[in-house]
């Protein structure tokens, strides 16, 4: 059955990618602007001749214009489950994660973080627009309850094709439940997997958006970077953000605290630049996006810093890596 609302959203998104208005589209098709508006609002469908014209104009098959596709099956070979999510990890949440995911649900972190992202934030809005403008299939990996860059991507283009991922099945389910109501987009997909072992075929993803997932990986970060390189198409883009304690900050830390940090949390000193090069990325541009201090944070590393009597400064960056 054809979903007229979803058809309208696909038409609107394709039109905007061409950079034309409803009136300009109507003129090209020799129909009224009101007809285009009805299509995009999901009130009516065009006849077959117009569908053929739209197919040629947008370079999309008629079937893809009319029908919701199964992108996860196309990219992974695995069908979506009954709840609309593709699982490559157990559907049951891991025991040690239960307190965290219960907080996410009970304190409504997803809706709060989405609402915060809707506020004007020039830097993040520009990053989201840049990723959305790349087009194609965008994978938001390790989204977490904050969503990474995904809220800013969808803020720029609500009909962007985005796969939302996290290793936590609860996080993925919470994002789906929220976005089904907030956007009801036919172009958003959901998949729970470990991004150190991505289920996608080689050269199948256009953009990987990583708003901190790789930096917080439970597994091997270098493997995650190699996986990102593998699944990206030639010329594809990895946009990755994380933070680390730089050499200047490290030099100011008492040696006793430095030794404990090096033993318990060596990852806080990793900037992953060399690992990104070794993964295969040839063109890498880094932009410092700010800094944050552990005295203002509630994370496990902040708790460790306070127990050591120090206030760590993390330099935050966004790295643009082209395959």
C-alpha atoms as a PDB file:
ATOM      1  CA  UNK A   1       0.000   0.000   0.000  1.00  0.00           C
ATOM      2  CA  UNK A   2       1.309   3.450  -0.942  1.00  0.00           C
ATOM      3  CA  UNK A   3       1.771   5.889   1.935  1.00  0.00           C
ATOM      4  CA  UNK A   4       0.793   9.269   0.458  1.00  0.00           C
ATOM      5  CA  UNK A   5       2.402  11.196   3.327  1.00  0.00           C
ATOM      6  CA  UNK A   6       5.729   9.454   2.795  1.00  0.00           C
ATOM      7  CA  UNK A   7       5.459   9.955  -0.973  1.00  0.00           C
ATOM      8  CA  UNK A   8       4.923  13.680  -0.408  1.00  0.00           C
ATOM      9  CA  UNK A   9       7.950  13.911   1.846  1.00  0.00           C
ATOM     10  CA  UNK A  10      10.127  12.158  -0.735  1.00  0.00           C
ATOM     11  CA  UNK A  11       8.929  14.554  -3.453  1.00  0.00           C
ATOM     12  CA  UNK A  12       9.559  17.601  -1.238  1.00  0.00           C
ATOM     13  CA  UNK A  13      13.047  16.377  -0.316  1.00  0.00           C
ATOM     14  CA  UNK A  14      13.998  15.644  -3.935  1.00  0.00           C
ATOM     15  CA  UNK A  15      12.670  19.041  -5.038  1.00  0.00           C
ATOM     16  CA  UNK A  16      14.680  20.853  -2.384  1.00  0.00           C
ATOM     17  CA  UNK A  17      17.827  18.983  -3.371  1.00  0.00           C
ATOM     18  CA  UNK A  18      17.352  20.406  -6.871  1.00  0.00           C
ATOM     19  CA  UNK A  19      17.048  23.851  -5.305  1.00  0.00           C
ATOM     20  CA  UNK A  20      13.680  24.679  -6.850  1.00  0.00           C
ATOM     21  CA  UNK A  21      10.398  25.940  -5.387  1.00  0.00           C
ATOM     22  CA  UNK A  22       6.977  24.312  -5.666  1.00  0.00           C
ATOM     23  CA  UNK A  23       6.066  26.922  -8.256  1.00  0.00           C
ATOM     24  CA  UNK A  24       9.182  26.205 -10.326  1.00  0.00           C
ATOM     25  CA  UNK A  25       8.447  22.468 -10.191  1.00  0.00           C
ATOM     26  CA  UNK A  26       4.860  23.063 -11.289  1.00  0.00           C
ATOM     27  CA  UNK A  27       6.066  25.132 -14.247  1.00  0.00           C
ATOM     28  CA  UNK A  28       8.415  22.353 -15.368  1.00  0.00           C
ATOM     29  CA  UNK A  29       5.592  19.824 -15.181  1.00  0.00           C
ATOM     30  CA  UNK A  30       2.883  22.115 -16.625  1.00  0.00           C
ATOM     31  CA  UNK A  31       0.663  21.693 -13.564  1.00  0.00           C
ATOM     32  CA  UNK A  32      -0.551  24.181 -10.958  1.00  0.00           C
ATOM     33  CA  UNK A  33       1.434  25.014  -7.788  1.00  0.00           C
ATOM     34  CA  UNK A  34      -1.633  23.791  -5.881  1.00  0.00           C
ATOM     35  CA  UNK A  35      -1.200  20.331  -7.426  1.00  0.00           C
ATOM     36  CA  UNK A  36       2.424  20.148  -6.251  1.00  0.00           C
ATOM     37  CA  UNK A  37       1.377  21.325  -2.795  1.00  0.00           C
ATOM     38  CA  UNK A  38      -1.249  18.546  -2.598  1.00  0.00           C
ATOM     39  CA  UNK A  39       1.362  15.930  -3.532  1.00  0.00           C
ATOM     40  CA  UNK A  40       3.828  17.152  -0.916  1.00  0.00           C
ATOM     41  CA  UNK A  41       1.131  17.357   1.768  1.00  0.00           C
ATOM     42  CA  UNK A  42       0.091  13.765   1.064  1.00  0.00           C
ATOM     43  CA  UNK A  43      -3.377  14.712  -0.148  1.00  0.00           C
ATOM     44  CA  UNK A  44      -3.085  13.408  -3.707  1.00  0.00           C
ATOM     45  CA  UNK A  45      -0.849  11.442  -6.062  1.00  0.00           C
ATOM     46  CA  UNK A  46       0.150  12.548  -9.584  1.00  0.00           C
ATOM     47  CA  UNK A  47      -0.899  10.491 -12.595  1.00  0.00           C
ATOM     48  CA  UNK A  48       1.471   8.049 -14.265  1.00  0.00           C
ATOM     49  CA  UNK A  49       2.755  10.512 -16.893  1.00  0.00           C
ATOM     50  CA  UNK A  50       3.734  13.008 -14.197  1.00  0.00           C
ATOM     51  CA  UNK A  51       5.299  10.236 -12.096  1.00  0.00           C
ATOM     52  CA  UNK A  52       7.474   9.332 -15.082  1.00  0.00           C
ATOM     53  CA  UNK A  53       8.544  12.972 -15.468  1.00  0.00           C
ATOM     54  CA  UNK A  54       9.357  13.178 -11.735  1.00  0.00           C
ATOM     55  CA  UNK A  55      11.344   9.952 -11.981  1.00  0.00           C
ATOM     56  CA  UNK A  56      13.478  11.362 -14.803  1.00  0.00           C
ATOM     57  CA  UNK A  57      13.856  14.754 -13.129  1.00  0.00           C
ATOM     58  CA  UNK A  58      14.875  13.418  -9.708  1.00  0.00           C
ATOM     59  CA  UNK A  59      16.774  10.393 -11.083  1.00  0.00           C
ATOM     60  CA  UNK A  60      14.722   8.100  -8.818  1.00  0.00           C
ATOM     61  CA  UNK A  61      12.728   5.089  -9.976  1.00  0.00           C
ATOM     62  CA  UNK A  62       8.950   5.332  -9.786  1.00  0.00           C
ATOM     63  CA  UNK A  63       8.936   2.461  -7.290  1.00  0.00           C
ATOM     64  CA  UNK A  64      11.321   4.307  -4.984  1.00  0.00           C
ATOM     65  CA  UNK A  65       9.161   7.425  -5.233  1.00  0.00           C
ATOM     66  CA  UNK A  66       5.989   5.549  -4.349  1.00  0.00           C
ATOM     67  CA  UNK A  67       7.096   2.812  -1.941  1.00  0.00           C
ATOM     68  CA  UNK A  68       8.924   2.729   1.365  1.00  0.00           C
ATOM     69  CA  UNK A  69      12.046   0.681   0.691  1.00  0.00           C
ATOM     70  CA  UNK A  70      13.964  -1.765   2.896  1.00  0.00           C
ATOM     71  CA  UNK A  71      17.332  -0.043   2.945  1.00  0.00           C
ATOM     72  CA  UNK A  72      18.764  -2.172   5.800  1.00  0.00           C
ATOM     73  CA  UNK A  73      18.049  -5.345   3.813  1.00  0.00           C
ATOM     74  CA  UNK A  74      19.695  -3.824   0.740  1.00  0.00           C
ATOM     75  CA  UNK A  75      22.824  -2.824   2.673  1.00  0.00           C
ATOM     76  CA  UNK A  76      23.153  -5.723   5.131  1.00  0.00           C
ATOM     77  CA  UNK A  77      21.111  -8.617   3.788  1.00  0.00           C
ATOM     78  CA  UNK A  78      19.127  -8.813   7.039  1.00  0.00           C
ATOM     79  CA  UNK A  79      15.433  -7.999   7.328  1.00  0.00           C
ATOM     80  CA  UNK A  80      14.014  -5.425   9.699  1.00  0.00           C
ATOM     81  CA  UNK A  81      12.371  -6.912  12.794  1.00  0.00           C
ATOM     82  CA  UNK A  82       8.726  -6.450  13.681  1.00  0.00           C
ATOM     83  CA  UNK A  83       9.418  -3.271  15.646  1.00  0.00           C
ATOM     84  CA  UNK A  84      11.098  -1.600  12.666  1.00  0.00           C
ATOM     85  CA  UNK A  85      14.679  -2.050  13.867  1.00  0.00           C
ATOM     86  CA  UNK A  86      17.457  -4.216  12.438  1.00  0.00           C
ATOM     87  CA  UNK A  87      19.283  -5.989  15.267  1.00  0.00           C
ATOM     88  CA  UNK A  88      22.842  -7.297  15.088  1.00  0.00           C
ATOM     89  CA  UNK A  89      23.121  -7.479  18.882  1.00  0.00           C
ATOM     90  CA  UNK A  90      20.699  -9.142  21.322  1.00  0.00           C
ATOM     91  CA  UNK A  91      17.410  -7.278  21.594  1.00  0.00           C
ATOM     92  CA  UNK A  92      17.584  -7.480  25.387  1.00  0.00           C
ATOM     93  CA  UNK A  93      19.633  -4.754  27.039  1.00  0.00           C
ATOM     94  CA  UNK A  94      22.871  -5.806  28.703  1.00  0.00           C
ATOM     95  CA  UNK A  95      22.552  -6.077  32.501  1.00  0.00           C
ATOM     96  CA  UNK A  96      25.278  -3.571  33.334  1.00  0.00           C
ATOM     97  CA  UNK A  97      23.579  -1.003  31.097  1.00  0.00           C
ATOM     98  CA  UNK A  98      20.166  -1.187  32.757  1.00  0.00           C
ATOM     99  CA  UNK A  99      20.587   1.694  35.255  1.00  0.00           C
ATOM    100  CA  UNK A 100      21.782   3.971  32.445  1.00  0.00           C
ATOM    101  CA  UNK A 101      19.006   3.127  29.992  1.00  0.00           C
ATOM    102  CA  UNK A 102      16.401   3.391  32.753  1.00  0.00           C
ATOM    103  CA  UNK A 103      17.607   6.941  33.387  1.00  0.00           C
ATOM    104  CA  UNK A 104      17.331   7.654  29.660  1.00  0.00           C
ATOM    105  CA  UNK A 105      13.700   6.543  29.661  1.00  0.00           C
ATOM    106  CA  UNK A 106      12.596   7.870  33.039  1.00  0.00           C
ATOM    107  CA  UNK A 107      14.265  11.266  32.673  1.00  0.00           C
ATOM    108  CA  UNK A 108      13.225  11.615  29.011  1.00  0.00           C
ATOM    109  CA  UNK A 109      16.770  12.336  27.814  1.00  0.00           C
ATOM    110  CA  UNK A 110      15.885  11.776  24.149  1.00  0.00           C
ATOM    111  CA  UNK A 111      13.177  14.445  24.001  1.00  0.00           C
ATOM    112  CA  UNK A 112      15.236  16.869  26.104  1.00  0.00           C
ATOM    113  CA  UNK A 113      18.305  16.496  23.891  1.00  0.00           C
ATOM    114  CA  UNK A 114      16.209  16.871  20.735  1.00  0.00           C
ATOM    115  CA  UNK A 115      14.618  20.040  22.099  1.00  0.00           C
ATOM    116  CA  UNK A 116      18.041  21.444  22.989  1.00  0.00           C
ATOM    117  CA  UNK A 117      19.302  20.768  19.450  1.00  0.00           C
ATOM    118  CA  UNK A 118      16.415  22.785  17.987  1.00  0.00           C
ATOM    119  CA  UNK A 119      17.854  25.940  19.566  1.00  0.00           C
ATOM    120  CA  UNK A 120      20.134  28.051  17.404  1.00  0.00           C
ATOM    121  CA  UNK A 121      23.705  26.785  17.498  1.00  0.00           C
ATOM    122  CA  UNK A 122      25.607  28.217  14.557  1.00  0.00           C
ATOM    123  CA  UNK A 123      28.538  25.823  14.729  1.00  0.00           C
ATOM    124  CA  UNK A 124      26.528  22.605  15.086  1.00  0.00           C
ATOM    125  CA  UNK A 125      23.857  23.808  12.652  1.00  0.00           C
ATOM    126  CA  UNK A 126      26.566  24.359  10.024  1.00  0.00           C
ATOM    127  CA  UNK A 127      28.034  20.893  10.618  1.00  0.00           C
ATOM    128  CA  UNK A 128      24.581  19.328  10.347  1.00  0.00           C
ATOM    129  CA  UNK A 129      23.862  21.186   7.107  1.00  0.00           C
ATOM    130  CA  UNK A 130      27.214  20.206   5.625  1.00  0.00           C
ATOM    131  CA  UNK A 131      26.543  16.522   6.354  1.00  0.00           C
ATOM    132  CA  UNK A 132      22.964  16.732   5.026  1.00  0.00           C
ATOM    133  CA  UNK A 133      24.204  18.458   1.870  1.00  0.00           C
ATOM    134  CA  UNK A 134      26.548  15.535   1.155  1.00  0.00           C
ATOM    135  CA  UNK A 135      23.392  13.542   0.476  1.00  0.00           C
ATOM    136  CA  UNK A 136      23.106   9.810  -0.017  1.00  0.00           C
ATOM    137  CA  UNK A 137      22.950   7.379   2.900  1.00  0.00           C
ATOM    138  CA  UNK A 138      24.111   8.897   6.190  1.00  0.00           C
ATOM    139  CA  UNK A 139      25.020   6.592   9.076  1.00  0.00           C
ATOM    140  CA  UNK A 140      24.875   8.191  12.539  1.00  0.00           C
ATOM    141  CA  UNK A 141      26.988   5.740  14.482  1.00  0.00           C
ATOM    142  CA  UNK A 142      27.019   5.443  18.266  1.00  0.00           C
ATOM    143  CA  UNK A 143      24.230   7.996  18.489  1.00  0.00           C
ATOM    144  CA  UNK A 144      23.614   7.619  22.225  1.00  0.00           C
ATOM    145  CA  UNK A 145      20.846   9.580  23.928  1.00  0.00           C
ATOM    146  CA  UNK A 146      22.277  12.839  22.565  1.00  0.00           C
ATOM    147  CA  UNK A 147      21.938  11.677  18.968  1.00  0.00           C
ATOM    148  CA  UNK A 148      25.390  12.872  17.907  1.00  0.00           C
ATOM    149  CA  UNK A 149      25.090  15.064  14.806  1.00  0.00           C
ATOM    150  CA  UNK A 150      21.797  13.440  13.763  1.00  0.00           C
ATOM    151  CA  UNK A 151      19.445  16.076  15.295  1.00  0.00           C
ATOM    152  CA  UNK A 152      21.322  18.821  13.425  1.00  0.00           C
ATOM    153  CA  UNK A 153      21.295  16.829  10.172  1.00  0.00           C
ATOM    154  CA  UNK A 154      17.527  16.361  10.395  1.00  0.00           C
ATOM    155  CA  UNK A 155      17.133  19.980  11.457  1.00  0.00           C
ATOM    156  CA  UNK A 156      18.737  20.951   8.151  1.00  0.00           C
ATOM    157  CA  UNK A 157      16.876  18.320   6.103  1.00  0.00           C
ATOM    158  CA  UNK A 158      14.052  16.431   7.871  1.00  0.00           C
ATOM    159  CA  UNK A 159      13.906  14.030   4.927  1.00  0.00           C
ATOM    160  CA  UNK A 160      17.601  13.152   4.807  1.00  0.00           C
ATOM    161  CA  UNK A 161      18.319   9.423   4.531  1.00  0.00           C
ATOM    162  CA  UNK A 162      19.749   8.550   7.940  1.00  0.00           C
ATOM    163  CA  UNK A 163      20.481   5.239   9.667  1.00  0.00           C
ATOM    164  CA  UNK A 164      20.508   5.752  13.427  1.00  0.00           C
ATOM    165  CA  UNK A 165      22.753   3.308  15.258  1.00  0.00           C
ATOM    166  CA  UNK A 166      23.840   2.467  18.767  1.00  0.00           C
ATOM    167  CA  UNK A 167      25.112  -0.716  20.409  1.00  0.00           C
ATOM    168  CA  UNK A 168      22.375  -0.240  22.997  1.00  0.00           C
ATOM    169  CA  UNK A 169      19.071  -1.583  21.609  1.00  0.00           C
ATOM    170  CA  UNK A 170      17.190   0.564  24.132  1.00  0.00           C
ATOM    171  CA  UNK A 171      18.761   3.768  22.797  1.00  0.00           C
ATOM    172  CA  UNK A 172      17.783   2.829  19.239  1.00  0.00           C
ATOM    173  CA  UNK A 173      14.227   1.963  20.294  1.00  0.00           C
ATOM    174  CA  UNK A 174      13.871   5.231  22.221  1.00  0.00           C
ATOM    175  CA  UNK A 175      14.999   7.283  19.219  1.00  0.00           C
ATOM    176  CA  UNK A 176      12.584   5.405  16.952  1.00  0.00           C
ATOM    177  CA  UNK A 177       9.642   5.914  19.303  1.00  0.00           C
ATOM    178  CA  UNK A 178      10.411   9.636  19.536  1.00  0.00           C
ATOM    179  CA  UNK A 179      11.144  10.340  15.860  1.00  0.00           C
ATOM    180  CA  UNK A 180       8.172   8.319  14.602  1.00  0.00           C
ATOM    181  CA  UNK A 181       6.018  10.914  16.339  1.00  0.00           C
ATOM    182  CA  UNK A 182       8.210  13.968  15.757  1.00  0.00           C
ATOM    183  CA  UNK A 183       8.964  13.470  12.039  1.00  0.00           C
ATOM    184  CA  UNK A 184       7.381  10.265  10.671  1.00  0.00           C
ATOM    185  CA  UNK A 185      10.023  10.272   7.958  1.00  0.00           C
ATOM    186  CA  UNK A 186      10.228   7.395   5.455  1.00  0.00           C
ATOM    187  CA  UNK A 187      13.969   8.031   5.159  1.00  0.00           C
ATOM    188  CA  UNK A 188      15.050   7.292   8.750  1.00  0.00           C
ATOM    189  CA  UNK A 189      16.161   3.747   9.585  1.00  0.00           C
ATOM    190  CA  UNK A 190      17.231   2.160  12.856  1.00  0.00           C
ATOM    191  CA  UNK A 191      19.861  -0.481  13.542  1.00  0.00           C
ATOM    192  CA  UNK A 192      21.470  -1.807  16.730  1.00  0.00           C
ATOM    193  CA  UNK A 193      25.034  -3.028  16.225  1.00  0.00           C
ATOM    194  CA  UNK A 194      28.602  -2.672  17.448  1.00  0.00           C
ATOM    195  CA  UNK A 195      30.323  -0.218  15.115  1.00  0.00           C
ATOM    196  CA  UNK A 196      33.605  -2.039  15.677  1.00  0.00           C
ATOM    197  CA  UNK A 197      31.959  -4.745  13.552  1.00  0.00           C
ATOM    198  CA  UNK A 198      29.620  -2.990  11.130  1.00  0.00           C
ATOM    199  CA  UNK A 199      27.108  -5.175   9.265  1.00  0.00           C
ATOM    200  CA  UNK A 200      27.178  -3.142   6.038  1.00  0.00           C
ATOM    201  CA  UNK A 201      28.614  -4.219   2.732  1.00  0.00           C
ATOM    202  CA  UNK A 202      31.891  -2.733   1.521  1.00  0.00           C
ATOM    203  CA  UNK A 203      31.582   0.687  -0.163  1.00  0.00           C
ATOM    204  CA  UNK A 204      27.894   1.071   0.698  1.00  0.00           C
ATOM    205  CA  UNK A 205      27.587   4.217   2.863  1.00  0.00           C
ATOM    206  CA  UNK A 206      27.985   7.819   1.649  1.00  0.00           C
ATOM    207  CA  UNK A 207      28.595   9.578   4.991  1.00  0.00           C
ATOM    208  CA  UNK A 208      29.360   8.367   8.502  1.00  0.00           C
ATOM    209  CA  UNK A 209      28.436  10.906  11.141  1.00  0.00           C
ATOM    210  CA  UNK A 210      30.084  10.245  14.494  1.00  0.00           C
ATOM    211  CA  UNK A 211      29.199  12.743  17.193  1.00  0.00           C
ATOM    212  CA  UNK A 212      31.389  11.074  19.819  1.00  0.00           C
ATOM    213  CA  UNK A 213      30.534   7.398  19.390  1.00  0.00           C
ATOM    214  CA  UNK A 214      33.964   6.196  18.269  1.00  0.00           C
ATOM    215  CA  UNK A 215      35.691   8.155  21.036  1.00  0.00           C
ATOM    216  CA  UNK A 216      33.460   6.393  23.560  1.00  0.00           C
ATOM    217  CA  UNK A 217      33.679   2.968  21.940  1.00  0.00           C
ATOM    218  CA  UNK A 218      33.581   0.006  24.306  1.00  0.00           C
ATOM    219  CA  UNK A 219      35.767  -1.896  21.881  1.00  0.00           C
ATOM    220  CA  UNK A 220      38.814  -1.171  19.742  1.00  0.00           C
ATOM    221  CA  UNK A 221      38.630   2.412  18.421  1.00  0.00           C
ATOM    222  CA  UNK A 222      41.166   1.684  15.687  1.00  0.00           C
ATOM    223  CA  UNK A 223      38.994  -1.192  14.474  1.00  0.00           C
ATOM    224  CA  UNK A 224      35.988   1.133  14.440  1.00  0.00           C
ATOM    225  CA  UNK A 225      37.918   3.547  12.210  1.00  0.00           C
ATOM    226  CA  UNK A 226      38.952   0.728   9.877  1.00  0.00           C
ATOM    227  CA  UNK A 227      35.328  -0.416   9.687  1.00  0.00           C
ATOM    228  CA  UNK A 228      34.227   3.137   8.861  1.00  0.00           C
ATOM    229  CA  UNK A 229      36.734   3.242   6.010  1.00  0.00           C
ATOM    230  CA  UNK A 230      35.611  -0.168   4.719  1.00  0.00           C
ATOM    231  CA  UNK A 231      31.894   0.604   4.489  1.00  0.00           C
ATOM    232  CA  UNK A 232      32.261   4.109   3.057  1.00  0.00           C
ATOM    233  CA  UNK A 233      31.991   4.525  -0.693  1.00  0.00           C
ATOM    234  CA  UNK A 234      35.055   5.857  -2.536  1.00  0.00           C
ATOM    235  CA  UNK A 235      35.035   9.592  -1.890  1.00  0.00           C
ATOM    236  CA  UNK A 236      32.772   9.046   1.129  1.00  0.00           C
ATOM    237  CA  UNK A 237      33.094  11.200   4.231  1.00  0.00           C
ATOM    238  CA  UNK A 238      33.600  10.410   7.908  1.00  0.00           C
ATOM    239  CA  UNK A 239      32.742  13.313  10.214  1.00  0.00           C
ATOM    240  CA  UNK A 240      33.957  12.389  13.675  1.00  0.00           C
ATOM    241  CA  UNK A 241      33.988  14.326  16.933  1.00  0.00           C
ATOM    242  CA  UNK A 242      35.543  13.594  20.274  1.00  0.00           C
ATOM    243  CA  UNK A 243      37.791  15.197  22.870  1.00  0.00           C
ATOM    244  CA  UNK A 244      41.161  14.485  24.452  1.00  0.00           C
ATOM    245  CA  UNK A 245      43.589  15.868  27.005  1.00  0.00           C
ATOM    246  CA  UNK A 246      46.340  17.598  25.023  1.00  0.00           C
ATOM    247  CA  UNK A 247      50.059  17.674  25.839  1.00  0.00           C
ATOM    248  CA  UNK A 248      49.928  21.120  27.441  1.00  0.00           C
ATOM    249  CA  UNK A 249      47.214  20.060  29.873  1.00  0.00           C
ATOM    250  CA  UNK A 250      48.989  16.774  30.511  1.00  0.00           C
ATOM    251  CA  UNK A 251      52.179  18.608  31.498  1.00  0.00           C
ATOM    252  CA  UNK A 252      50.311  20.528  34.213  1.00  0.00           C
ATOM    253  CA  UNK A 253      48.930  17.402  35.870  1.00  0.00           C
ATOM    254  CA  UNK A 254      50.850  16.128  38.936  1.00  0.00           C
ATOM    255  CA  UNK A 255      52.887  13.058  38.033  1.00  0.00           C
ATOM    256  CA  UNK A 256      51.050  10.836  40.538  1.00  0.00           C
ATOM    257  CA  UNK A 257      47.666  11.716  39.001  1.00  0.00           C
ATOM    258  CA  UNK A 258      49.113  11.326  35.505  1.00  0.00           C
ATOM    259  CA  UNK A 259      50.265   7.786  36.287  1.00  0.00           C
ATOM    260  CA  UNK A 260      46.841   6.787  37.618  1.00  0.00           C
ATOM    261  CA  UNK A 261      45.106   8.294  34.583  1.00  0.00           C
ATOM    262  CA  UNK A 262      47.500   6.506  32.229  1.00  0.00           C
ATOM    263  CA  UNK A 263      46.678   3.220  33.950  1.00  0.00           C
ATOM    264  CA  UNK A 264      42.911   3.587  34.382  1.00  0.00           C
ATOM    265  CA  UNK A 265      41.913   5.784  31.432  1.00  0.00           C
ATOM    266  CA  UNK A 266      44.665   5.917  28.804  1.00  0.00           C
ATOM    267  CA  UNK A 267      41.996   6.763  26.227  1.00  0.00           C
ATOM    268  CA  UNK A 268      41.708  10.350  27.526  1.00  0.00           C
ATOM    269  CA  UNK A 269      45.051  11.143  25.884  1.00  0.00           C
ATOM    270  CA  UNK A 270      44.175   9.635  22.478  1.00  0.00           C
ATOM    271  CA  UNK A 271      43.484  12.014  19.595  1.00  0.00           C
ATOM    272  CA  UNK A 272      43.223   9.082  17.104  1.00  0.00           C
ATOM    273  CA  UNK A 273      44.788  11.090  14.259  1.00  0.00           C
ATOM    274  CA  UNK A 274      47.456   8.493  13.495  1.00  0.00           C
ATOM    275  CA  UNK A 275      44.859   5.706  13.747  1.00  0.00           C
ATOM    276  CA  UNK A 276      42.672   7.570  11.244  1.00  0.00           C
ATOM    277  CA  UNK A 277      45.575   7.770   8.795  1.00  0.00           C
ATOM    278  CA  UNK A 278      46.383   4.091   9.284  1.00  0.00           C
ATOM    279  CA  UNK A 279      42.721   3.230   8.656  1.00  0.00           C
ATOM    280  CA  UNK A 280      43.261   4.505   5.102  1.00  0.00           C
ATOM    281  CA  UNK A 281      41.849   8.039   5.075  1.00  0.00           C
ATOM    282  CA  UNK A 282      44.018  10.273   2.886  1.00  0.00           C
ATOM    283  CA  UNK A 283      42.466  13.727   3.320  1.00  0.00           C
ATOM    284  CA  UNK A 284      41.927  14.650   6.976  1.00  0.00           C
ATOM    285  CA  UNK A 285      40.980  18.115   8.218  1.00  0.00           C
ATOM    286  CA  UNK A 286      40.586  18.832  11.931  1.00  0.00           C
ATOM    287  CA  UNK A 287      38.701  21.785  13.406  1.00  0.00           C
ATOM    288  CA  UNK A 288      38.919  22.619  17.109  1.00  0.00           C
ATOM    289  CA  UNK A 289      35.348  23.055  18.278  1.00  0.00           C
ATOM    290  CA  UNK A 290      35.936  24.097  21.895  1.00  0.00           C
ATOM    291  CA  UNK A 291      36.861  22.614  25.236  1.00  0.00           C
ATOM    292  CA  UNK A 292      35.232  21.296  28.392  1.00  0.00           C
ATOM    293  CA  UNK A 293      36.324  20.675  31.981  1.00  0.00           C
ATOM    294  CA  UNK A 294      35.693  17.708  34.222  1.00  0.00           C
ATOM    295  CA  UNK A 295      34.609  19.958  37.107  1.00  0.00           C
ATOM    296  CA  UNK A 296      31.500  20.795  35.050  1.00  0.00           C
ATOM    297  CA  UNK A 297      30.724  17.201  34.055  1.00  0.00           C
ATOM    298  CA  UNK A 298      29.047  14.111  35.524  1.00  0.00           C
ATOM    299  CA  UNK A 299      30.921  11.437  33.551  1.00  0.00           C
ATOM    300  CA  UNK A 300      33.030   8.605  34.933  1.00  0.00           C
ATOM    301  CA  UNK A 301      36.223  10.383  33.886  1.00  0.00           C
ATOM    302  CA  UNK A 302      35.018  13.497  35.737  1.00  0.00           C
ATOM    303  CA  UNK A 303      34.468  11.399  38.874  1.00  0.00           C
ATOM    304  CA  UNK A 304      37.988   9.982  38.543  1.00  0.00           C
ATOM    305  CA  UNK A 305      39.472  13.463  38.059  1.00  0.00           C
ATOM    306  CA  UNK A 306      37.712  14.757  41.178  1.00  0.00           C
ATOM    307  CA  UNK A 307      38.959  11.785  43.201  1.00  0.00           C
ATOM    308  CA  UNK A 308      42.498  12.732  42.113  1.00  0.00           C
ATOM    309  CA  UNK A 309      41.952  16.384  43.034  1.00  0.00           C
ATOM    310  CA  UNK A 310      42.432  17.654  39.474  1.00  0.00           C
ATOM    311  CA  UNK A 311      40.321  19.482  36.890  1.00  0.00           C
ATOM    312  CA  UNK A 312      41.005  18.073  33.430  1.00  0.00           C
ATOM    313  CA  UNK A 313      40.607  20.196  30.335  1.00  0.00           C
ATOM    314  CA  UNK A 314      39.475  18.301  27.223  1.00  0.00           C
ATOM    315  CA  UNK A 315      40.043  19.816  23.796  1.00  0.00           C
ATOM    316  CA  UNK A 316      37.092  19.034  21.519  1.00  0.00           C
ATOM    317  CA  UNK A 317      37.472  18.682  17.766  1.00  0.00           C
ATOM    318  CA  UNK A 318      35.618  17.670  14.658  1.00  0.00           C
ATOM    319  CA  UNK A 319      37.600  15.766  12.059  1.00  0.00           C
ATOM    320  CA  UNK A 320      36.551  15.537   8.401  1.00  0.00           C
ATOM    321  CA  UNK A 321      38.042  12.420   6.797  1.00  0.00           C
ATOM    322  CA  UNK A 322      37.599  11.697   3.097  1.00  0.00           C
ATOM    323  CA  UNK A 323      38.041   8.181   1.699  1.00  0.00           C
END
